[in-house]
N, C-alpha and C. Protein backbone atom coordinates (compact mmCIF):
# COMPACT_ATOMS: atom_id res chain seq x y z
N MET A 1 7.87 -5.27 -16.58
CA MET A 1 6.69 -6.07 -16.38
C MET A 1 6.98 -7.53 -16.71
N GLN A 2 6.48 -8.41 -15.93
CA GLN A 2 6.74 -9.85 -16.17
C GLN A 2 5.52 -10.63 -15.98
N ASN A 3 5.34 -11.69 -16.76
CA ASN A 3 4.12 -12.58 -16.38
C ASN A 3 4.66 -13.77 -15.60
N ARG A 4 3.77 -14.21 -14.72
CA ARG A 4 4.14 -15.40 -13.88
C ARG A 4 3.12 -16.57 -14.03
N ILE A 5 2.68 -16.58 -15.19
CA ILE A 5 1.75 -17.67 -15.58
C ILE A 5 2.18 -19.03 -15.23
N LYS A 6 3.48 -19.34 -15.52
CA LYS A 6 3.96 -20.67 -15.24
C LYS A 6 3.96 -20.97 -13.77
N LYS A 7 4.33 -20.03 -12.81
CA LYS A 7 4.18 -20.22 -11.42
C LYS A 7 2.69 -20.30 -11.03
N PHE A 8 1.86 -19.48 -11.58
CA PHE A 8 0.36 -19.50 -11.35
C PHE A 8 -0.22 -20.80 -11.52
N ILE A 9 0.02 -21.38 -12.69
CA ILE A 9 -0.68 -22.78 -12.98
C ILE A 9 -0.03 -23.81 -12.25
N GLU A 10 1.25 -23.70 -11.91
CA GLU A 10 1.93 -24.77 -11.00
C GLU A 10 1.21 -24.81 -9.72
N GLU A 11 1.15 -23.52 -9.12
CA GLU A 11 0.52 -23.44 -7.94
C GLU A 11 -0.87 -24.00 -7.77
N LYS A 12 -1.61 -23.92 -8.87
CA LYS A 12 -3.02 -24.49 -8.97
C LYS A 12 -3.06 -25.86 -9.36
N GLY A 13 -1.89 -26.46 -9.79
CA GLY A 13 -1.89 -27.79 -10.25
C GLY A 13 -2.47 -28.01 -11.64
N ILE A 14 -2.29 -26.99 -12.50
CA ILE A 14 -2.90 -27.03 -13.83
C ILE A 14 -1.64 -27.24 -14.80
N SER A 15 -1.93 -28.15 -15.73
CA SER A 15 -0.91 -28.33 -16.79
C SER A 15 -0.98 -27.24 -17.77
N ARG A 16 -0.02 -27.12 -18.64
CA ARG A 16 -0.06 -26.10 -19.64
C ARG A 16 -1.14 -26.47 -20.71
N TYR A 17 -1.26 -27.71 -20.94
CA TYR A 17 -2.47 -28.10 -21.88
C TYR A 17 -3.75 -27.69 -21.31
N LYS A 18 -3.98 -28.07 -19.97
CA LYS A 18 -5.27 -27.67 -19.33
C LYS A 18 -5.43 -26.15 -19.36
N PHE A 19 -4.37 -25.33 -19.04
CA PHE A 19 -4.38 -23.86 -19.18
C PHE A 19 -4.93 -23.49 -20.55
N TRP A 20 -4.34 -24.05 -21.55
CA TRP A 20 -4.76 -23.69 -23.00
C TRP A 20 -6.26 -24.06 -23.08
N GLN A 21 -6.66 -25.18 -22.73
CA GLN A 21 -8.07 -25.61 -23.02
C GLN A 21 -9.00 -24.85 -22.08
N ASP A 22 -8.69 -24.50 -20.93
CA ASP A 22 -9.50 -23.80 -19.91
C ASP A 22 -9.81 -22.48 -20.42
N THR A 23 -8.73 -21.79 -20.90
CA THR A 23 -8.86 -20.34 -21.24
C THR A 23 -9.35 -20.14 -22.63
N LYS A 24 -9.28 -21.21 -23.47
CA LYS A 24 -9.70 -21.16 -25.01
C LYS A 24 -8.81 -20.04 -25.73
N LEU A 25 -7.64 -19.89 -25.20
CA LEU A 25 -6.69 -18.98 -25.99
C LEU A 25 -6.06 -19.80 -27.19
N GLY A 26 -5.48 -19.16 -28.06
CA GLY A 26 -4.72 -19.80 -29.14
C GLY A 26 -3.63 -20.59 -28.49
N ARG A 27 -3.37 -21.76 -29.08
CA ARG A 27 -2.27 -22.65 -28.45
C ARG A 27 -0.95 -21.90 -28.39
N ASP A 28 -0.61 -21.23 -29.42
CA ASP A 28 0.76 -20.55 -29.36
C ASP A 28 0.81 -19.47 -28.26
N THR A 29 -0.28 -18.78 -28.09
CA THR A 29 -0.38 -17.78 -27.09
C THR A 29 -0.30 -18.38 -25.68
N ALA A 30 -1.11 -19.43 -25.37
CA ALA A 30 -1.14 -20.05 -24.07
C ALA A 30 0.29 -20.67 -23.81
N TYR A 31 0.93 -21.32 -24.71
CA TYR A 31 2.26 -21.90 -24.40
C TYR A 31 3.30 -20.89 -24.26
N ARG A 32 3.21 -19.75 -25.06
CA ARG A 32 4.24 -18.69 -24.99
C ARG A 32 4.14 -18.05 -23.62
N LEU A 33 2.82 -17.89 -22.98
CA LEU A 33 2.64 -17.36 -21.82
C LEU A 33 3.34 -18.11 -20.75
N CYS A 34 3.23 -19.45 -20.87
CA CYS A 34 3.79 -20.35 -19.89
C CYS A 34 5.43 -20.40 -20.00
N ASN A 35 5.87 -20.25 -21.16
CA ASN A 35 7.35 -20.49 -21.52
C ASN A 35 8.16 -19.15 -21.45
N ASP A 36 7.58 -18.02 -21.68
CA ASP A 36 8.25 -16.78 -21.77
C ASP A 36 7.79 -15.69 -20.79
N PRO A 37 8.41 -15.48 -19.68
CA PRO A 37 7.95 -14.57 -18.65
C PRO A 37 8.05 -13.16 -19.18
N SER A 38 8.73 -12.79 -20.19
CA SER A 38 8.72 -11.40 -20.68
C SER A 38 7.52 -11.15 -21.68
N TYR A 39 6.80 -12.23 -22.00
CA TYR A 39 5.69 -11.97 -22.92
C TYR A 39 4.45 -11.41 -22.06
N ILE A 40 4.02 -10.22 -22.44
CA ILE A 40 2.92 -9.61 -21.79
C ILE A 40 1.67 -9.73 -22.58
N PRO A 41 0.72 -10.31 -21.94
CA PRO A 41 -0.63 -10.60 -22.71
C PRO A 41 -1.40 -9.28 -22.99
N THR A 42 -2.14 -9.33 -24.09
CA THR A 42 -3.00 -8.24 -24.37
C THR A 42 -4.20 -8.17 -23.47
N GLY A 43 -5.01 -7.08 -23.65
CA GLY A 43 -6.23 -6.96 -22.80
C GLY A 43 -7.15 -8.14 -22.87
N SER A 44 -7.36 -8.54 -24.13
CA SER A 44 -8.42 -9.68 -24.26
C SER A 44 -7.89 -10.91 -23.68
N VAL A 45 -6.57 -11.17 -23.81
CA VAL A 45 -6.09 -12.31 -23.22
C VAL A 45 -6.12 -12.27 -21.75
N LEU A 46 -5.82 -11.09 -21.09
CA LEU A 46 -5.90 -10.97 -19.72
C LEU A 46 -7.33 -11.21 -19.21
N ASP A 47 -8.35 -10.75 -19.97
CA ASP A 47 -9.67 -10.86 -19.62
C ASP A 47 -10.04 -12.38 -19.69
N LYS A 48 -9.56 -13.17 -20.66
CA LYS A 48 -9.94 -14.58 -20.75
C LYS A 48 -9.35 -15.39 -19.58
N ILE A 49 -8.12 -14.99 -19.14
CA ILE A 49 -7.39 -15.73 -17.94
C ILE A 49 -8.25 -15.29 -16.70
N CYS A 50 -8.44 -13.97 -16.43
CA CYS A 50 -9.08 -13.64 -15.24
C CYS A 50 -10.59 -14.19 -15.22
N THR A 51 -11.15 -14.18 -16.28
CA THR A 51 -12.65 -14.67 -16.29
C THR A 51 -12.68 -16.20 -16.05
N THR A 52 -11.76 -17.07 -16.63
CA THR A 52 -11.50 -18.39 -16.46
C THR A 52 -11.35 -18.76 -15.00
N TYR A 53 -10.34 -18.13 -14.41
CA TYR A 53 -9.86 -18.47 -13.04
C TYR A 53 -10.45 -17.57 -11.93
N LYS A 54 -11.24 -16.61 -12.32
CA LYS A 54 -11.72 -15.68 -11.31
C LYS A 54 -10.72 -15.08 -10.45
N VAL A 55 -9.69 -14.46 -11.15
CA VAL A 55 -8.65 -13.72 -10.42
C VAL A 55 -8.33 -12.33 -11.07
N GLN A 56 -7.58 -11.65 -10.30
CA GLN A 56 -7.14 -10.28 -10.73
C GLN A 56 -5.84 -10.47 -11.50
N PRO A 57 -5.49 -9.64 -12.48
CA PRO A 57 -4.21 -9.64 -13.24
C PRO A 57 -3.00 -9.73 -12.38
N GLY A 58 -3.09 -9.12 -11.15
CA GLY A 58 -1.91 -9.12 -10.25
C GLY A 58 -1.54 -10.49 -9.65
N GLU A 59 -2.41 -11.49 -9.86
CA GLU A 59 -2.08 -12.76 -9.39
C GLU A 59 -1.04 -13.38 -10.36
N PHE A 60 -0.94 -12.96 -11.59
CA PHE A 60 0.06 -13.58 -12.57
C PHE A 60 0.85 -12.57 -13.29
N LEU A 61 0.67 -11.25 -13.03
CA LEU A 61 1.58 -10.22 -13.61
C LEU A 61 2.32 -9.38 -12.51
N VAL A 62 3.55 -9.10 -12.70
CA VAL A 62 4.31 -8.33 -11.59
C VAL A 62 5.20 -7.29 -12.45
N TRP A 63 5.21 -6.11 -11.84
CA TRP A 63 6.12 -5.11 -12.35
C TRP A 63 7.49 -5.15 -11.59
N LEU A 64 8.47 -5.25 -12.34
CA LEU A 64 9.81 -5.31 -11.86
C LEU A 64 10.56 -3.99 -12.33
N PRO A 65 11.19 -3.36 -11.54
CA PRO A 65 11.93 -2.00 -11.87
C PRO A 65 13.17 -2.34 -12.65
N ASP A 66 13.59 -1.43 -13.59
CA ASP A 66 14.79 -1.64 -14.41
C ASP A 66 16.08 -1.28 -13.59
N ASP A 67 15.97 -0.49 -12.56
CA ASP A 67 17.22 -0.08 -11.99
C ASP A 67 17.03 -0.26 -10.43
N GLU A 68 18.16 -0.19 -9.66
CA GLU A 68 18.25 -0.37 -8.22
C GLU A 68 17.40 0.61 -7.43
N SER A 69 17.33 1.86 -7.86
CA SER A 69 16.53 2.85 -7.21
C SER A 69 15.07 2.35 -7.14
N GLY A 70 14.56 1.76 -8.18
CA GLY A 70 13.23 1.19 -8.26
C GLY A 70 12.97 0.18 -7.34
N VAL A 71 13.99 -0.77 -7.10
CA VAL A 71 13.86 -1.80 -6.11
C VAL A 71 13.91 -1.23 -4.65
N GLU A 72 14.72 -0.22 -4.42
CA GLU A 72 14.76 0.47 -3.18
C GLU A 72 13.48 1.11 -2.87
N ALA A 73 12.78 1.68 -3.78
CA ALA A 73 11.53 2.35 -3.63
C ALA A 73 10.45 1.32 -3.12
N ILE A 74 10.51 0.11 -3.77
CA ILE A 74 9.57 -0.88 -3.47
C ILE A 74 9.78 -1.35 -2.04
N VAL A 75 11.03 -1.63 -1.70
CA VAL A 75 11.41 -2.00 -0.42
C VAL A 75 10.95 -0.95 0.68
N ASP A 76 11.26 0.25 0.41
CA ASP A 76 10.81 1.34 1.40
C ASP A 76 9.42 1.35 1.54
N ASN A 77 8.62 1.23 0.46
CA ASN A 77 7.25 1.29 0.60
C ASN A 77 6.60 0.15 1.45
N LEU A 78 7.16 -1.10 1.17
CA LEU A 78 6.78 -2.22 1.92
C LEU A 78 7.06 -2.06 3.40
N ILE A 79 8.23 -1.50 3.73
CA ILE A 79 8.65 -1.27 5.12
C ILE A 79 7.72 -0.27 5.81
N SER A 80 7.43 0.83 5.06
CA SER A 80 6.54 1.86 5.66
C SER A 80 5.11 1.34 5.86
N GLU A 81 4.66 0.42 4.91
CA GLU A 81 3.37 -0.22 5.14
C GLU A 81 3.31 -1.05 6.47
N THR A 82 4.25 -1.86 6.69
CA THR A 82 4.28 -2.69 7.76
C THR A 82 4.48 -1.83 9.15
N GLU A 83 5.26 -0.78 9.07
CA GLU A 83 5.21 0.05 10.20
C GLU A 83 4.00 0.80 10.58
N GLU A 84 3.22 1.10 9.58
CA GLU A 84 1.87 1.77 9.72
C GLU A 84 0.90 0.71 10.23
N ALA A 85 0.88 -0.38 10.01
CA ALA A 85 -0.15 -1.45 10.30
C ALA A 85 -0.48 -1.59 11.91
N PRO A 86 0.65 -1.72 12.62
CA PRO A 86 0.49 -1.82 14.14
C PRO A 86 -0.27 -0.62 14.64
N ASN A 87 0.03 0.60 14.13
CA ASN A 87 -0.71 1.81 14.56
C ASN A 87 -2.16 1.80 14.37
N ILE A 88 -2.69 1.14 13.23
CA ILE A 88 -4.04 1.10 12.88
C ILE A 88 -4.66 0.22 13.76
N ASN A 89 -4.07 -0.86 14.35
CA ASN A 89 -4.69 -1.82 15.21
C ASN A 89 -4.80 -1.21 16.71
N LYS A 90 -4.03 -0.14 17.01
CA LYS A 90 -4.12 0.46 18.29
C LYS A 90 -5.44 1.32 18.49
N HIS A 91 -6.00 1.78 17.30
CA HIS A 91 -7.12 2.59 17.46
C HIS A 91 -8.40 1.86 17.88
N SER A 92 -9.30 2.50 18.61
CA SER A 92 -10.50 1.88 18.96
C SER A 92 -11.40 1.93 17.69
N ARG A 93 -12.51 1.06 17.78
CA ARG A 93 -13.46 1.06 16.71
C ARG A 93 -14.08 2.37 16.46
N SER A 94 -14.25 3.22 17.47
CA SER A 94 -14.85 4.53 17.21
C SER A 94 -13.88 5.50 16.46
N GLN A 95 -12.62 5.24 16.54
CA GLN A 95 -11.70 6.04 15.89
C GLN A 95 -11.59 5.62 14.42
N LEU A 96 -12.02 4.46 14.13
CA LEU A 96 -11.95 4.02 12.75
C LEU A 96 -13.21 4.20 12.01
N THR A 97 -14.21 4.84 12.49
CA THR A 97 -15.46 5.05 11.93
C THR A 97 -15.76 6.59 11.90
N ASP A 98 -16.65 6.86 10.91
CA ASP A 98 -17.10 8.29 10.88
C ASP A 98 -18.60 8.34 10.58
N GLN A 99 -19.27 9.13 11.26
CA GLN A 99 -20.72 9.11 11.18
C GLN A 99 -21.17 10.31 10.25
N VAL A 100 -21.91 9.88 9.27
CA VAL A 100 -22.37 10.86 8.27
C VAL A 100 -23.92 10.64 8.17
N ASP A 101 -24.73 11.58 8.54
CA ASP A 101 -26.14 11.40 8.51
C ASP A 101 -26.62 10.14 9.25
N GLY A 102 -26.00 9.77 10.27
CA GLY A 102 -26.41 8.59 11.06
C GLY A 102 -25.90 7.20 10.44
N ILE A 103 -25.15 7.26 9.42
CA ILE A 103 -24.57 6.13 8.74
C ILE A 103 -23.18 6.03 9.24
N VAL A 104 -22.80 4.80 9.75
CA VAL A 104 -21.39 4.54 10.18
C VAL A 104 -20.63 3.97 9.04
N LEU A 105 -19.61 4.67 8.78
CA LEU A 105 -18.76 4.15 7.67
C LEU A 105 -17.42 3.69 8.14
N PRO A 106 -17.05 2.47 8.07
CA PRO A 106 -15.79 1.84 8.52
C PRO A 106 -14.63 2.35 7.60
N PHE A 107 -13.55 2.67 8.30
CA PHE A 107 -12.31 3.09 7.47
C PHE A 107 -11.25 2.12 7.96
N GLU A 108 -11.40 0.93 7.81
CA GLU A 108 -10.35 -0.04 8.18
C GLU A 108 -9.44 -0.41 6.94
N ARG A 109 -8.21 -0.39 7.21
CA ARG A 109 -7.27 -0.78 6.23
C ARG A 109 -7.30 -2.19 5.87
N ARG A 110 -7.44 -2.63 4.67
CA ARG A 110 -7.34 -4.08 4.32
C ARG A 110 -6.27 -4.23 3.22
N SER A 111 -5.53 -5.32 3.43
CA SER A 111 -4.45 -5.69 2.55
C SER A 111 -4.97 -6.44 1.37
N ALA A 112 -4.27 -6.42 0.24
CA ALA A 112 -4.77 -7.09 -0.97
C ALA A 112 -4.48 -8.60 -0.86
């Protein structure tokens, strides 16, 4: 697991100081998050960041596998997802819906 707070705030044009002030985190915690990608925030810190910037934790946290087989699994998963996507678009609207008691429920795949 790795935090990407530094990249997150740089992309938003936020300084480290502003990040600290916005989130109301402790100064040491805020600056450590920016300086140390291996530092993983606690649940309450995650909550403050997500609440402040209205984002999901996946916007600034990433899981990195320890071994090559983990990397290969991630790549294989991404490849299979991209191969499935064109098949979904070939279906007509009627194939992507299901009727239950007269209610039409869409089953369209949406990416994150």
